[in-house]
């Protein structure tokens, strides 16, 4: 079970990272605000992979401990943690060299949901329901 969860976490994390990089490129094209020194492609992929692997561990543990209700509790926790993580980009202090700091939350807030969306989208492929 953990091997499937971990594979799902890694693949959904990579997918979320790729989506995050694509989104940051589109965001730059639209707004002409470069945040690459603060949020690089490597950081986007690393954060997405971290979220995916953490989700795999949480999913496995909750399903082990809560048997019948593990998946619904995991989904609720993953969604709540994704929302709670939105406080980080709002509270961050950007370097003075950034021209348009007010656009920073618009870049990174949507990316906080990409790991969860990747997980929820790919889970039926990797882990079959009982």
N, C-alpha and C. Protein backbone atom coordinates (compact mmCIF):
# COMPACT_ATOMS: atom_id res chain seq x y z
N UNK A 1 0.81 -1.19 0.00
CA UNK A 1 0.00 0.00 0.00
C UNK A 1 0.87 1.27 0.00
N UNK A 2 1.93 1.26 0.82
CA UNK A 2 2.78 2.44 0.88
C UNK A 2 3.50 2.68 -0.44
N UNK A 3 3.89 1.61 -1.11
CA UNK A 3 4.60 1.77 -2.39
C UNK A 3 3.70 2.47 -3.42
N UNK A 4 2.43 2.07 -3.49
CA UNK A 4 1.50 2.72 -4.41
C UNK A 4 1.28 4.18 -4.02
N UNK A 5 1.12 4.43 -2.72
CA UNK A 5 0.94 5.80 -2.23
C UNK A 5 2.14 6.66 -2.55
N UNK A 6 3.32 6.13 -2.31
CA UNK A 6 4.54 6.88 -2.57
C UNK A 6 4.70 7.17 -4.06
N UNK A 7 4.41 6.19 -4.88
CA UNK A 7 4.47 6.40 -6.34
C UNK A 7 3.48 7.48 -6.75
N UNK A 8 2.26 7.41 -6.22
CA UNK A 8 1.26 8.42 -6.51
C UNK A 8 1.73 9.79 -6.02
N UNK A 9 2.31 9.86 -4.84
CA UNK A 9 2.80 11.13 -4.31
C UNK A 9 3.90 11.73 -5.17
N UNK A 10 4.81 10.91 -5.63
CA UNK A 10 5.91 11.40 -6.47
C UNK A 10 5.39 11.85 -7.83
N UNK A 11 4.55 11.04 -8.44
CA UNK A 11 4.03 11.39 -9.78
C UNK A 11 3.14 12.63 -9.69
N UNK A 12 2.24 12.68 -8.70
CA UNK A 12 1.38 13.86 -8.58
C UNK A 12 2.19 15.09 -8.19
N UNK A 13 3.25 14.91 -7.40
CA UNK A 13 4.12 16.04 -7.07
C UNK A 13 4.85 16.56 -8.30
N UNK A 14 5.35 15.65 -9.12
CA UNK A 14 6.01 16.09 -10.37
C UNK A 14 5.03 16.78 -11.31
N UNK A 15 3.82 16.21 -11.42
CA UNK A 15 2.79 16.83 -12.25
C UNK A 15 2.46 18.23 -11.72
N UNK A 16 2.32 18.36 -10.41
CA UNK A 16 2.04 19.66 -9.81
C UNK A 16 3.20 20.63 -10.05
N UNK A 17 4.43 20.13 -9.97
CA UNK A 17 5.59 20.97 -10.24
C UNK A 17 5.62 21.47 -11.68
N UNK A 18 5.32 20.60 -12.61
CA UNK A 18 5.28 20.99 -14.03
C UNK A 18 4.17 22.01 -14.25
N UNK A 19 3.01 21.76 -13.65
CA UNK A 19 1.90 22.71 -13.77
C UNK A 19 2.27 24.05 -13.14
N UNK A 20 2.98 24.02 -12.01
CA UNK A 20 3.42 25.25 -11.36
C UNK A 20 4.39 26.05 -12.22
N UNK A 21 5.31 25.35 -12.86
CA UNK A 21 6.27 26.03 -13.74
C UNK A 21 5.54 26.65 -14.93
N UNK A 22 4.62 25.89 -15.52
CA UNK A 22 3.85 26.41 -16.65
C UNK A 22 3.03 27.63 -16.22
N UNK A 23 2.41 27.52 -15.05
CA UNK A 23 1.61 28.64 -14.54
C UNK A 23 2.48 29.87 -14.29
N UNK A 24 3.67 29.68 -13.75
CA UNK A 24 4.55 30.83 -13.49
C UNK A 24 4.99 31.50 -14.79
N UNK A 25 5.20 30.70 -15.82
CA UNK A 25 5.58 31.27 -17.13
C UNK A 25 4.42 32.10 -17.71
N UNK A 26 3.22 31.54 -17.64
CA UNK A 26 2.04 32.26 -18.14
C UNK A 26 1.82 33.53 -17.32
N UNK A 27 1.97 33.42 -16.01
CA UNK A 27 1.80 34.58 -15.12
C UNK A 27 2.79 35.68 -15.48
N UNK A 28 4.02 35.29 -15.76
CA UNK A 28 5.03 36.28 -16.15
C UNK A 28 4.66 36.95 -17.47
N UNK A 29 4.20 36.15 -18.44
CA UNK A 29 3.82 36.71 -19.74
C UNK A 29 2.67 37.71 -19.62
N UNK A 30 1.72 37.41 -18.75
CA UNK A 30 0.56 38.28 -18.59
C UNK A 30 0.90 39.54 -17.81
N UNK A 31 1.61 39.40 -16.70
CA UNK A 31 1.84 40.52 -15.79
C UNK A 31 3.22 41.17 -15.89
N UNK A 32 4.13 40.52 -16.60
CA UNK A 32 5.50 41.01 -16.74
C UNK A 32 6.15 41.29 -15.39
N UNK A 33 5.85 40.44 -14.43
CA UNK A 33 6.47 40.53 -13.10
C UNK A 33 7.33 39.30 -12.90
N UNK A 34 8.62 39.53 -12.72
CA UNK A 34 9.55 38.42 -12.60
C UNK A 34 9.83 38.12 -11.13
N UNK A 35 9.36 36.95 -10.68
CA UNK A 35 9.61 36.51 -9.31
C UNK A 35 10.54 35.30 -9.29
N UNK A 36 11.30 35.10 -10.36
CA UNK A 36 12.13 33.90 -10.48
C UNK A 36 13.25 33.84 -9.43
N UNK A 37 13.65 34.98 -8.88
CA UNK A 37 14.68 34.96 -7.83
C UNK A 37 14.10 34.47 -6.50
N UNK A 38 12.80 34.65 -6.32
CA UNK A 38 12.14 34.23 -5.09
C UNK A 38 11.54 32.83 -5.25
N UNK A 39 10.92 32.60 -6.40
CA UNK A 39 10.26 31.32 -6.68
C UNK A 39 10.83 30.76 -7.97
N UNK A 40 11.91 30.00 -7.85
CA UNK A 40 12.53 29.41 -9.03
C UNK A 40 11.83 28.11 -9.42
N UNK A 41 12.13 27.63 -10.60
CA UNK A 41 11.55 26.37 -11.06
C UNK A 41 11.92 25.21 -10.15
N UNK A 42 13.14 25.21 -9.67
CA UNK A 42 13.59 24.14 -8.76
C UNK A 42 12.79 24.18 -7.46
N UNK A 43 12.55 25.37 -6.92
CA UNK A 43 11.77 25.50 -5.69
C UNK A 43 10.33 25.07 -5.90
N UNK A 44 9.77 25.36 -7.06
CA UNK A 44 8.39 24.96 -7.36
C UNK A 44 8.28 23.44 -7.38
N UNK A 45 9.20 22.79 -8.09
CA UNK A 45 9.16 21.32 -8.18
C UNK A 45 9.45 20.69 -6.82
N UNK A 46 10.42 21.24 -6.09
CA UNK A 46 10.76 20.69 -4.77
C UNK A 46 9.59 20.80 -3.81
N UNK A 47 8.92 21.93 -3.78
CA UNK A 47 7.77 22.11 -2.89
C UNK A 47 6.63 21.18 -3.28
N UNK A 48 6.41 21.01 -4.56
CA UNK A 48 5.34 20.12 -5.03
C UNK A 48 5.66 18.67 -4.70
N UNK A 49 6.90 18.26 -4.89
CA UNK A 49 7.31 16.90 -4.52
C UNK A 49 7.19 16.67 -3.02
N UNK A 50 7.60 17.66 -2.25
CA UNK A 50 7.48 17.56 -0.78
C UNK A 50 6.02 17.36 -0.39
N UNK A 51 5.12 18.14 -1.00
CA UNK A 51 3.69 17.99 -0.72
C UNK A 51 3.17 16.63 -1.12
N UNK A 52 3.60 16.12 -2.26
CA UNK A 52 3.15 14.81 -2.72
C UNK A 52 3.64 13.68 -1.83
N UNK A 53 4.90 13.72 -1.43
CA UNK A 53 5.45 12.67 -0.56
C UNK A 53 4.82 12.75 0.83
N UNK A 54 4.63 13.95 1.34
CA UNK A 54 3.97 14.12 2.63
C UNK A 54 2.53 13.59 2.57
N UNK A 55 1.86 13.82 1.46
CA UNK A 55 0.51 13.30 1.27
C UNK A 55 0.51 11.77 1.27
N UNK A 56 1.51 11.18 0.63
CA UNK A 56 1.60 9.71 0.58
C UNK A 56 1.77 9.13 1.99
N UNK A 57 2.60 9.76 2.79
CA UNK A 57 2.81 9.29 4.15
C UNK A 57 1.52 9.45 4.96
N UNK A 58 0.89 10.63 4.84
CA UNK A 58 -0.35 10.87 5.56
C UNK A 58 -1.47 9.93 5.14
N UNK A 59 -1.58 9.68 3.86
CA UNK A 59 -2.62 8.77 3.34
C UNK A 59 -2.42 7.37 3.89
N UNK A 60 -1.20 6.90 3.86
CA UNK A 60 -0.91 5.55 4.35
C UNK A 60 -1.20 5.43 5.84
N UNK A 61 -0.73 6.38 6.62
CA UNK A 61 -0.94 6.32 8.06
C UNK A 61 -2.42 6.42 8.44
N UNK A 62 -3.13 7.34 7.82
CA UNK A 62 -4.55 7.50 8.15
C UNK A 62 -5.37 6.27 7.75
N UNK A 63 -5.03 5.67 6.61
CA UNK A 63 -5.74 4.45 6.21
C UNK A 63 -5.41 3.28 7.12
N UNK A 64 -4.21 3.28 7.65
CA UNK A 64 -3.81 2.21 8.57
C UNK A 64 -4.50 2.38 9.92
N UNK A 65 -4.56 3.60 10.41
CA UNK A 65 -5.11 3.86 11.74
C UNK A 65 -6.65 3.90 11.74
N UNK A 66 -7.24 4.45 10.69
CA UNK A 66 -8.69 4.67 10.70
C UNK A 66 -9.46 3.73 9.78
N UNK A 67 -8.82 2.74 9.25
CA UNK A 67 -9.41 1.71 8.38
C UNK A 67 -10.50 2.25 7.43
N UNK A 68 -11.76 2.30 7.87
CA UNK A 68 -12.87 2.66 6.99
C UNK A 68 -12.98 4.14 6.67
N UNK A 69 -12.54 4.99 7.58
CA UNK A 69 -12.68 6.43 7.40
C UNK A 69 -11.38 7.13 7.04
N UNK A 70 -10.33 6.37 6.82
CA UNK A 70 -9.02 6.96 6.55
C UNK A 70 -8.99 7.86 5.34
N UNK A 71 -9.64 7.45 4.27
CA UNK A 71 -9.57 8.23 3.04
C UNK A 71 -10.30 9.56 3.16
N UNK A 72 -11.48 9.54 3.74
CA UNK A 72 -12.22 10.80 3.87
C UNK A 72 -11.52 11.76 4.83
N UNK A 73 -10.95 11.23 5.91
CA UNK A 73 -10.20 12.08 6.85
C UNK A 73 -8.96 12.63 6.15
N UNK A 74 -8.29 11.81 5.36
CA UNK A 74 -7.12 12.28 4.60
C UNK A 74 -7.52 13.41 3.65
N UNK A 75 -8.58 13.20 2.87
CA UNK A 75 -9.01 14.22 1.91
C UNK A 75 -9.33 15.54 2.61
N UNK A 76 -10.01 15.45 3.74
CA UNK A 76 -10.33 16.66 4.51
C UNK A 76 -9.06 17.33 5.01
N UNK A 77 -8.15 16.55 5.58
CA UNK A 77 -6.88 17.11 6.09
C UNK A 77 -6.04 17.72 4.98
N UNK A 78 -5.94 17.04 3.86
CA UNK A 78 -5.13 17.53 2.73
C UNK A 78 -5.69 18.87 2.23
N UNK A 79 -7.00 18.96 2.12
CA UNK A 79 -7.62 20.19 1.66
C UNK A 79 -7.43 21.31 2.68
N UNK A 80 -7.63 21.01 3.96
CA UNK A 80 -7.45 22.03 5.00
C UNK A 80 -6.00 22.51 5.09
N UNK A 81 -5.06 21.57 4.96
CA UNK A 81 -3.64 21.95 4.99
C UNK A 81 -3.29 22.82 3.78
N UNK A 82 -3.88 22.50 2.62
CA UNK A 82 -3.65 23.33 1.43
C UNK A 82 -4.14 24.75 1.67
N UNK A 83 -5.33 24.89 2.27
CA UNK A 83 -5.84 26.23 2.57
C UNK A 83 -4.98 26.92 3.63
N UNK A 84 -4.59 26.20 4.67
CA UNK A 84 -3.77 26.79 5.73
C UNK A 84 -2.42 27.26 5.21
N UNK A 85 -1.89 26.56 4.21
CA UNK A 85 -0.58 26.93 3.67
C UNK A 85 -0.62 28.26 2.93
N UNK A 86 -1.81 28.78 2.66
CA UNK A 86 -1.92 30.06 1.96
C UNK A 86 -1.42 31.22 2.81
N UNK A 87 -1.31 31.01 4.11
CA UNK A 87 -0.82 32.07 4.98
C UNK A 87 0.65 32.39 4.71
N UNK A 88 1.41 31.40 4.28
CA UNK A 88 2.85 31.61 4.04
C UNK A 88 3.12 32.67 2.97
N UNK A 89 2.53 32.58 1.77
CA UNK A 89 2.85 33.62 0.77
C UNK A 89 2.29 34.99 1.12
N UNK A 90 1.26 35.03 1.93
CA UNK A 90 0.71 36.32 2.33
C UNK A 90 1.63 37.00 3.34
N UNK A 91 2.26 36.20 4.20
CA UNK A 91 3.11 36.74 5.26
C UNK A 91 4.56 36.98 4.85
N UNK A 92 4.97 36.48 3.70
CA UNK A 92 6.38 36.58 3.31
C UNK A 92 6.77 38.03 3.01
N UNK A 93 7.99 38.36 3.37
CA UNK A 93 8.55 39.67 3.05
C UNK A 93 9.48 39.51 1.86
N UNK A 94 9.16 40.21 0.80
CA UNK A 94 9.94 40.10 -0.43
C UNK A 94 11.11 41.07 -0.41
N UNK A 95 12.17 40.76 -1.19
CA UNK A 95 13.30 41.69 -1.30
C UNK A 95 12.85 43.03 -1.90
N UNK A 96 13.55 44.07 -1.56
CA UNK A 96 13.21 45.42 -2.05
C UNK A 96 13.39 45.56 -3.57
N UNK A 97 14.12 44.63 -4.18
CA UNK A 97 14.37 44.71 -5.62
C UNK A 97 13.18 44.27 -6.46
N UNK A 98 12.18 43.68 -5.84
CA UNK A 98 10.99 43.23 -6.58
C UNK A 98 10.15 44.46 -6.92
N UNK A 99 9.83 44.61 -8.21
CA UNK A 99 9.10 45.80 -8.67
C UNK A 99 7.63 45.82 -8.25
N UNK A 100 6.97 44.69 -8.34
CA UNK A 100 5.53 44.64 -8.06
C UNK A 100 5.22 43.55 -7.04
N UNK A 101 5.53 43.80 -5.77
CA UNK A 101 5.32 42.77 -4.75
C UNK A 101 3.85 42.42 -4.54
N UNK A 102 2.95 43.32 -4.90
CA UNK A 102 1.52 43.04 -4.72
C UNK A 102 1.01 41.92 -5.63
N UNK A 103 1.77 41.60 -6.66
CA UNK A 103 1.37 40.52 -7.57
C UNK A 103 1.88 39.14 -7.12
N UNK A 104 2.74 39.12 -6.13
CA UNK A 104 3.33 37.85 -5.68
C UNK A 104 2.29 36.84 -5.19
N UNK A 105 1.34 37.23 -4.34
CA UNK A 105 0.33 36.23 -3.91
C UNK A 105 -0.46 35.63 -5.08
N UNK A 106 -0.72 36.43 -6.09
CA UNK A 106 -1.44 35.93 -7.26
C UNK A 106 -0.67 34.85 -8.00
N UNK A 107 0.63 34.87 -7.87
CA UNK A 107 1.46 33.83 -8.49
C UNK A 107 1.47 32.56 -7.66
N UNK A 108 1.75 32.68 -6.38
CA UNK A 108 2.01 31.48 -5.59
C UNK A 108 0.79 30.85 -4.93
N UNK A 109 -0.25 31.62 -4.66
CA UNK A 109 -1.42 31.04 -3.98
C UNK A 109 -2.05 29.91 -4.80
N UNK A 110 -2.30 30.07 -6.09
CA UNK A 110 -2.88 28.93 -6.84
C UNK A 110 -1.99 27.68 -6.82
N UNK A 111 -0.68 27.88 -6.77
CA UNK A 111 0.23 26.73 -6.77
C UNK A 111 0.10 25.88 -5.52
N UNK A 112 -0.42 26.43 -4.45
CA UNK A 112 -0.59 25.67 -3.21
C UNK A 112 -1.65 24.57 -3.36
N UNK A 113 -2.50 24.69 -4.35
CA UNK A 113 -3.53 23.68 -4.58
C UNK A 113 -3.12 22.63 -5.61
N UNK A 114 -2.03 22.86 -6.33
CA UNK A 114 -1.63 21.93 -7.38
C UNK A 114 -1.30 20.53 -6.87
N UNK A 115 -0.58 20.36 -5.75
CA UNK A 115 -0.33 18.99 -5.28
C UNK A 115 -1.62 18.23 -4.94
N UNK A 116 -2.56 18.91 -4.29
CA UNK A 116 -3.83 18.26 -3.96
C UNK A 116 -4.61 17.91 -5.24
N UNK A 117 -4.64 18.81 -6.19
CA UNK A 117 -5.34 18.53 -7.44
C UNK A 117 -4.69 17.37 -8.19
N UNK A 118 -3.37 17.33 -8.19
CA UNK A 118 -2.67 16.20 -8.82
C UNK A 118 -2.98 14.89 -8.13
N UNK A 119 -2.99 14.91 -6.80
CA UNK A 119 -3.30 13.69 -6.02
C UNK A 119 -4.71 13.21 -6.32
N UNK A 120 -5.69 14.12 -6.20
CA UNK A 120 -7.09 13.74 -6.40
C UNK A 120 -7.34 13.27 -7.83
N UNK A 121 -6.63 13.83 -8.79
CA UNK A 121 -6.81 13.45 -10.19
C UNK A 121 -6.22 12.07 -10.49
N UNK A 122 -5.03 11.79 -9.96
CA UNK A 122 -4.33 10.55 -10.30
C UNK A 122 -4.62 9.38 -9.37
N UNK A 123 -5.22 9.62 -8.23
CA UNK A 123 -5.44 8.55 -7.25
C UNK A 123 -6.21 7.37 -7.83
N UNK A 124 -7.29 7.57 -8.59
CA UNK A 124 -7.99 6.39 -9.14
C UNK A 124 -7.12 5.52 -10.06
N UNK A 125 -6.09 6.08 -10.62
CA UNK A 125 -5.21 5.31 -11.51
C UNK A 125 -4.27 4.44 -10.68
N UNK A 126 -3.77 4.98 -9.57
CA UNK A 126 -2.76 4.28 -8.76
C UNK A 126 -3.34 3.41 -7.65
N UNK A 127 -4.43 3.88 -7.04
CA UNK A 127 -5.01 3.16 -5.91
C UNK A 127 -6.49 2.92 -6.20
N UNK A 128 -6.83 1.68 -6.38
CA UNK A 128 -8.22 1.31 -6.70
C UNK A 128 -9.06 1.32 -5.42
N UNK A 129 -10.28 1.83 -5.53
CA UNK A 129 -11.19 1.82 -4.38
C UNK A 129 -11.62 0.40 -4.07
N UNK A 130 -11.97 0.19 -2.80
CA UNK A 130 -12.36 -1.16 -2.36
C UNK A 130 -13.76 -1.49 -2.77
